[in-house]
Amino acid sequence: MRFNFTLDQLFIFTVILFLSQISHARRNDVELFKDPQMLCILFFTMIGGVVICWVSLKVSKFTQKKGIWQSLVIYLIGLIGIVTILYTLISLFIFISEHVSSTW
């Protein structure tokens, strides 16, 4: 089975996951990363960020010859993917450090 996703579909998917985790936390008035469902969403958000970075690097090789605007858009989407990954890693680090400090 083969999956064919375009870059904009992956971008929209990651943004929806990112916004859903924030809206879920605000709606339920919970801390963002103490809920197992939030960690699951966070995990898939990170996977989406990695895929966006990988696809944007692959696509950027083809768009460098076409024009600067297309390359800038691709790099901007890759930057959003990197920010998503960093946000996820920092959030997981905070969750783990709070969990470890509460068990000691």
Protein backbone atom coordinates (compact mmCIF):
# COMPACT_ATOMS: atom_id res chain seq x y z
CA MET A 1 0.00 0.00 0.00
CA ARG A 2 1.37 3.38 -0.96
CA PHE A 3 0.38 6.78 0.41
CA ASN A 4 0.62 9.84 -1.77
CA PHE A 5 0.37 13.07 0.20
CA THR A 6 1.10 16.51 -1.07
CA LEU A 7 2.99 19.02 1.03
CA ASP A 8 -0.04 21.20 1.64
CA GLN A 9 -2.09 18.23 2.86
CA LEU A 10 0.64 17.32 5.35
CA PHE A 11 0.89 20.93 6.48
CA ILE A 12 -2.86 21.19 7.03
CA PHE A 13 -2.87 17.86 8.90
CA THR A 14 -0.14 19.01 11.27
CA VAL A 15 -1.75 22.39 11.90
CA ILE A 16 -5.07 20.70 12.68
CA LEU A 17 -3.37 18.36 15.17
CA PHE A 18 -1.48 21.23 16.78
CA LEU A 19 -4.59 23.38 17.14
CA SER A 20 -6.69 20.47 18.36
CA GLN A 21 -4.35 19.76 21.26
CA ILE A 22 -4.38 23.39 22.36
CA SER A 23 -8.16 23.72 22.01
CA HIS A 24 -8.70 20.44 23.87
CA ALA A 25 -6.59 21.67 26.77
CA ARG A 26 -8.35 25.02 26.95
CA ARG A 27 -11.83 23.53 26.62
CA ASN A 28 -11.31 20.97 29.36
CA ASP A 29 -9.23 23.32 31.49
CA VAL A 30 -6.51 20.72 31.99
CA GLU A 31 -2.80 21.09 31.95
CA LEU A 32 -1.65 20.55 28.43
CA PHE A 33 0.51 17.48 28.84
CA LYS A 34 -0.84 15.52 31.80
CA ASP A 35 -3.53 13.81 29.76
CA PRO A 36 -2.67 10.56 27.90
CA GLN A 37 -4.80 11.71 24.95
CA MET A 38 -2.72 14.88 24.75
CA LEU A 39 0.48 12.85 24.64
CA CYS A 40 -0.91 10.76 21.80
CA ILE A 41 -1.87 13.87 19.85
CA LEU A 42 1.54 15.36 20.63
CA PHE A 43 3.24 12.24 19.28
CA PHE A 44 1.34 12.41 16.00
CA THR A 45 2.02 16.14 15.78
CA MET A 46 5.73 15.43 16.05
CA ILE A 47 5.51 12.78 13.35
CA GLY A 48 3.69 15.31 11.15
CA GLY A 49 6.44 17.86 11.79
CA VAL A 50 9.14 15.35 10.83
CA VAL A 51 7.29 14.40 7.66
CA ILE A 52 6.79 18.07 6.74
CA CYS A 53 10.52 18.76 7.18
CA TRP A 54 11.48 15.71 5.13
CA VAL A 55 9.05 16.46 2.30
CA SER A 56 10.01 20.15 2.21
CA LEU A 57 13.68 19.21 1.87
CA LYS A 58 12.85 16.81 -0.96
CA VAL A 59 10.66 19.37 -2.74
CA SER A 60 13.16 22.21 -2.25
CA LYS A 61 15.66 20.46 -4.52
CA PHE A 62 13.21 20.71 -7.42
CA THR A 63 12.00 24.26 -6.75
CA GLN A 64 15.41 25.95 -6.53
CA LYS A 65 15.57 26.24 -10.32
CA LYS A 66 11.99 27.49 -10.72
CA GLY A 67 11.87 30.63 -8.60
CA ILE A 68 12.69 32.24 -5.31
CA TRP A 69 9.07 32.54 -4.11
CA GLN A 70 8.41 28.84 -4.40
CA SER A 71 11.63 28.09 -2.55
CA LEU A 72 10.74 30.55 0.23
CA VAL A 73 7.32 28.96 0.70
CA ILE A 74 8.87 25.49 0.89
CA TYR A 75 11.46 26.65 3.43
CA LEU A 76 8.79 28.41 5.47
CA ILE A 77 6.75 25.23 5.63
CA GLY A 78 9.90 23.33 6.65
CA LEU A 79 10.51 25.91 9.38
CA ILE A 80 6.97 25.40 10.68
CA GLY A 81 7.70 21.67 10.80
CA ILE A 82 10.91 22.29 12.76
CA VAL A 83 9.09 24.58 15.22
CA THR A 84 6.43 21.88 15.66
CA ILE A 85 9.11 19.30 16.46
CA LEU A 86 10.87 21.61 18.92
CA TYR A 87 7.58 22.48 20.64
CA THR A 88 6.78 18.79 20.95
CA LEU A 89 10.19 17.88 22.37
CA ILE A 90 10.14 20.74 24.89
CA SER A 91 6.62 19.80 25.96
CA LEU A 92 7.55 16.16 26.40
CA PHE A 93 10.61 17.19 28.42
CA ILE A 94 8.42 19.33 30.70
CA PHE A 95 5.93 16.48 31.10
CA ILE A 96 8.64 13.95 31.93
CA SER A 97 10.40 16.27 34.38
CA GLU A 98 7.13 17.05 36.20
CA HIS A 99 6.22 13.37 36.32
CA VAL A 100 9.64 12.37 37.66
CA SER A 101 9.68 15.13 40.27
CA SER A 102 6.19 14.17 41.48
CA THR A 103 7.16 10.53 41.99
CA TRP A 104 10.29 11.28 44.03
